[in-house]
C-alpha atoms as a PDB file:
ATOM      1  CA  MET A   1      -0.506  30.866  -5.460  1.00  0.00           C
ATOM      2  CA  ASN A   2       2.707  29.301  -6.628  1.00  0.00           C
ATOM      3  CA  VAL A   3       2.696  25.501  -6.223  1.00  0.00           C
ATOM      4  CA  SER A   4       6.112  25.395  -4.588  1.00  0.00           C
ATOM      5  CA  ARG A   5       5.031  28.072  -2.096  1.00  0.00           C
ATOM      6  CA  HIS A   6       1.896  26.081  -1.287  1.00  0.00           C
ATOM      7  CA  ILE A   7       3.971  22.943  -0.690  1.00  0.00           C
ATOM      8  CA  ALA A   8       6.416  24.900   1.490  1.00  0.00           C
ATOM      9  CA  ARG A   9       3.555  26.282   3.600  1.00  0.00           C
ATOM     10  CA  THR A  10       2.069  22.796   3.960  1.00  0.00           C
ATOM     11  CA  HIS A  11       5.411  21.437   5.151  1.00  0.00           C
ATOM     12  CA  GLN A  12       5.873  24.357   7.551  1.00  0.00           C
ATOM     13  CA  ALA A  13       2.419  23.762   9.038  1.00  0.00           C
ATOM     14  CA  ALA A  14       3.148  20.039   9.264  1.00  0.00           C
ATOM     15  CA  ARG A  15       6.249  20.712  11.387  1.00  0.00           C
ATOM     16  CA  THR A  16       4.151  22.229  14.188  1.00  0.00           C
ATOM     17  CA  VAL A  17       1.541  19.478  14.644  1.00  0.00           C
ATOM     18  CA  THR A  18       1.570  15.892  15.881  1.00  0.00           C
ATOM     19  CA  ARG A  19       3.621  13.428  13.906  1.00  0.00           C
ATOM     20  CA  ALA A  20       0.595  11.455  12.639  1.00  0.00           C
ATOM     21  CA  LEU A  21      -1.103  14.599  11.333  1.00  0.00           C
ATOM     22  CA  ALA A  22       2.161  15.827   9.821  1.00  0.00           C
ATOM     23  CA  TYR A  23       2.602  12.682   7.741  1.00  0.00           C
ATOM     24  CA  ARG A  24      -1.088  12.728   6.826  1.00  0.00           C
ATOM     25  CA  CYS A  25      -0.693  16.295   5.532  1.00  0.00           C
ATOM     26  CA  ARG A  26       2.430  15.428   3.567  1.00  0.00           C
ATOM     27  CA  SER A  27       0.627  12.531   1.892  1.00  0.00           C
ATOM     28  CA  GLY A  28      -2.356  14.768   1.100  1.00  0.00           C
ATOM     29  CA  LEU A  29      -4.966  13.426  -1.298  1.00  0.00           C
ATOM     30  CA  ILE A  30      -3.240  10.066  -1.578  1.00  0.00           C
ATOM     31  CA  ALA A  31      -3.721   9.433   2.154  1.00  0.00           C
ATOM     32  CA  ALA A  32      -7.370  10.463   1.844  1.00  0.00           C
ATOM     33  CA  ALA A  33      -7.833   7.999  -1.020  1.00  0.00           C
ATOM     34  CA  VAL A  34      -6.202   5.218   1.030  1.00  0.00           C
ATOM     35  CA  GLU A  35      -8.488   5.941   3.990  1.00  0.00           C
ATOM     36  CA  ALA A  36     -11.533   5.938   1.698  1.00  0.00           C
ATOM     37  CA  GLY A  37     -10.494   2.619   0.135  1.00  0.00           C
ATOM     38  CA  ARG A  38      -9.974   3.980  -3.375  1.00  0.00           C
ATOM     39  CA  LEU A  39      -6.279   3.087  -3.054  1.00  0.00           C
ATOM     40  CA  ILE A  40      -4.848   0.191  -1.047  1.00  0.00           C
ATOM     41  CA  ARG A  41      -1.436  -0.800   0.213  1.00  0.00           C
ATOM     42  CA  THR A  42      -0.042  -4.283  -0.331  1.00  0.00           C
ATOM     43  CA  GLY A  43      -0.485  -5.063   3.366  1.00  0.00           C
ATOM     44  CA  ASP A  44      -4.180  -4.156   3.086  1.00  0.00           C
ATOM     45  CA  LEU A  45      -4.648  -6.729   0.329  1.00  0.00           C
ATOM     46  CA  LEU A  46      -2.879  -9.402   2.362  1.00  0.00           C
ATOM     47  CA  ASP A  47      -5.111  -8.595   5.335  1.00  0.00           C
ATOM     48  CA  ARG A  48      -8.216  -8.938   3.146  1.00  0.00           C
ATOM     49  CA  LEU A  49      -7.003 -12.307   1.890  1.00  0.00           C
ATOM     50  CA  GLY A  50      -6.355 -13.564   5.415  1.00  0.00           C
ATOM     51  CA  ALA A  51      -2.571 -13.463   5.195  1.00  0.00           C
ATOM     52  CA  GLY A  52      -2.104 -10.514   7.556  1.00  0.00           C
ATOM     53  CA  GLY A  53      -0.039 -12.646   9.914  1.00  0.00           C
ATOM     54  CA  MET A  54       2.847 -13.023   7.480  1.00  0.00           C
ATOM     55  CA  LYS A  55       6.299 -11.944   8.638  1.00  0.00           C
ATOM     56  CA  ASP A  56       7.175  -8.335   7.893  1.00  0.00           C
ATOM     57  CA  GLY A  57      10.047  -9.424   5.676  1.00  0.00           C
ATOM     58  CA  HIS A  58       7.713 -11.518   3.530  1.00  0.00           C
ATOM     59  CA  LYS A  59       5.241  -8.649   3.242  1.00  0.00           C
ATOM     60  CA  SER A  60       8.058  -6.352   2.195  1.00  0.00           C
ATOM     61  CA  TRP A  61       9.253  -8.712  -0.536  1.00  0.00           C
ATOM     62  CA  TYR A  62       5.671  -9.133  -1.734  1.00  0.00           C
ATOM     63  CA  GLY A  63       5.457  -5.342  -2.018  1.00  0.00           C
ATOM     64  CA  ARG A  64       8.641  -5.330  -4.079  1.00  0.00           C
ATOM     65  CA  ALA A  65       7.197  -7.970  -6.423  1.00  0.00           C
ATOM     66  CA  VAL A  66       4.055  -5.864  -6.858  1.00  0.00           C
ATOM     67  CA  LYS A  67       6.067  -2.720  -7.557  1.00  0.00           C
ATOM     68  CA  LYS A  68       8.148  -4.578 -10.145  1.00  0.00           C
ATOM     69  CA  ALA A  69       4.988  -5.810 -11.902  1.00  0.00           C
ATOM     70  CA  PHE A  70       3.501  -2.299 -11.779  1.00  0.00           C
ATOM     71  CA  VAL A  71       6.619  -0.708 -13.304  1.00  0.00           C
ATOM     72  CA  VAL A  72       6.709  -3.301 -16.088  1.00  0.00           C
ATOM     73  CA  ALA A  73       3.032  -2.716 -16.904  1.00  0.00           C
ATOM     74  CA  ASN A  74       2.932   1.077 -16.600  1.00  0.00           C
ATOM     75  CA  GLY A  75       6.500   2.251 -17.086  1.00  0.00           C
ATOM     76  CA  ALA A  76       6.397   4.409 -13.938  1.00  0.00           C
ATOM     77  CA  ASP A  77       6.531   4.007 -10.186  1.00  0.00           C
ATOM     78  CA  PRO A  78       3.257   3.751  -8.238  1.00  0.00           C
ATOM     79  CA  VAL A  79       2.184   6.565  -5.915  1.00  0.00           C
ATOM     80  CA  ARG A  80       3.619   6.592  -2.410  1.00  0.00           C
ATOM     81  CA  VAL A  81       2.007   7.376   0.913  1.00  0.00           C
ATOM     82  CA  TRP A  82       3.376   7.718   4.425  1.00  0.00           C
ATOM     83  CA  ALA A  83       2.235   4.934   6.756  1.00  0.00           C
ATOM     84  CA  GLN A  84       3.112   3.900  10.269  1.00  0.00           C
ATOM     85  CA  HIS A  85       4.867   0.530  10.475  1.00  0.00           C
ATOM     86  CA  ARG A  86       2.669  -1.940  12.331  1.00  0.00           C
ATOM     87  CA  THR A  87       5.387  -3.288  14.649  1.00  0.00           C
ATOM     88  CA  THR A  88       8.062  -0.600  14.967  1.00  0.00           C
ATOM     89  CA  GLY A  89       5.784   2.440  14.815  1.00  0.00           C
ATOM     90  CA  LYS A  90       8.202   4.240  12.475  1.00  0.00           C
ATOM     91  CA  TRP A  91       6.781   6.282   9.627  1.00  0.00           C
ATOM     92  CA  ILE A  92       7.722   4.779   6.278  1.00  0.00           C
ATOM     93  CA  HIS A  93       6.880   5.322   2.623  1.00  0.00           C
ATOM     94  CA  VAL A  94       4.741   2.577   1.099  1.00  0.00           C
ATOM     95  CA  HIS A  95       3.196   2.312  -2.346  1.00  0.00           C
ATOM     96  CA  ALA A  96      -0.531   2.538  -2.947  1.00  0.00           C
ATOM     97  CA  TYR A  97      -2.449   0.896  -5.784  1.00  0.00           C
ATOM     98  CA  SER A  98      -5.961   0.684  -7.121  1.00  0.00           C
ATOM     99  CA  PRO A  99      -7.724  -2.340  -5.590  1.00  0.00           C
ATOM    100  CA  PHE A 100      -8.249  -3.605  -9.142  1.00  0.00           C
ATOM    101  CA  ASP A 101      -4.659  -3.164 -10.296  1.00  0.00           C
ATOM    102  CA  MET A 102      -3.369  -6.387 -11.865  1.00  0.00           C
ATOM    103  CA  ALA A 103       0.100  -5.791 -10.398  1.00  0.00           C
ATOM    104  CA  LEU A 104      -1.262  -6.773  -6.965  1.00  0.00           C
ATOM    105  CA  TYR A 105      -2.350 -10.157  -8.258  1.00  0.00           C
ATOM    106  CA  ILE A 106       0.698 -10.699 -10.464  1.00  0.00           C
ATOM    107  CA  GLY A 107       2.807 -10.070  -7.371  1.00  0.00           C
ATOM    108  CA  LEU A 108       0.762 -12.672  -5.484  1.00  0.00           C
ATOM    109  CA  ALA A 109       1.402 -15.248  -8.172  1.00  0.00           C
ATOM    110  CA  THR A 110       5.090 -14.509  -8.724  1.00  0.00           C
ATOM    111  CA  TYR A 111       6.345 -14.225  -5.144  1.00  0.00           C
ATOM    112  CA  LYS A 112       6.807 -17.730  -3.749  1.00  0.00           C
ATOM    113  CA  GLN A 113       5.589 -16.916  -0.219  1.00  0.00           C
ATOM    114  CA  THR A 114       2.228 -15.634  -1.529  1.00  0.00           C
ATOM    115  CA  ALA A 115       1.778 -17.889  -4.567  1.00  0.00           C
ATOM    116  CA  PHE A 116      -0.723 -20.070  -2.690  1.00  0.00           C
ATOM    117  CA  LEU A 117      -3.001 -17.028  -2.329  1.00  0.00           C
ATOM    118  CA  ALA A 118      -3.307 -16.733  -6.115  1.00  0.00           C
ATOM    119  CA  ARG A 119      -4.589 -20.274  -6.678  1.00  0.00           C
ATOM    120  CA  PRO A 120      -8.245 -20.622  -7.721  1.00  0.00           C
ATOM    121  CA  ALA A 121      -8.950 -23.074  -4.887  1.00  0.00           C
ATOM    122  CA  PHE A 122      -7.912 -20.435  -2.348  1.00  0.00           C
ATOM    123  CA  PHE A 123     -10.213 -17.809  -3.878  1.00  0.00           C
ATOM    124  CA  GLN A 124     -13.130 -20.245  -3.846  1.00  0.00           C
ATOM    125  CA  ALA A 125     -12.512 -21.086  -0.187  1.00  0.00           C
ATOM    126  CA  ALA A 126     -12.195 -17.408   0.755  1.00  0.00           C
ATOM    127  CA  TYR A 127     -15.404 -16.574  -1.116  1.00  0.00           C
ATOM    128  CA  ALA A 128     -17.311 -19.429   0.546  1.00  0.00           C
ATOM    129  CA  GLU A 129     -16.068 -18.316   3.980  1.00  0.00           C
ATOM    130  CA  ALA A 130     -17.131 -14.716   3.357  1.00  0.00           C
ATOM    131  CA  ALA A 131     -20.610 -15.682   2.141  1.00  0.00           C
END
């Protein structure tokens, strides 16, 4: 089957189902990888580090810092996935990264609102709390 025809059929099927399933279908394998934990969003990393309560604007700027670091390192944009915004409920595109991607941690260190999360003392405290 032609790839464009397959994509068109997927989009047509997505128009007739619930909104959440439609966006899940459009994201395809990337959404499945995010759900399985093989890819993470920047907000997921902040939640894991205990900074999930940050303002949405700060999380957004952190995501931009991570994307900038990713583009510099790889020369291409990261993959995108549809996700529902945690406060507004709107469906938005967000970038997904490998949990081990250095761009996530470079973004932590370079964005001033998250720089404290990249300090060694913070990692030691987080590790001691988790153990």
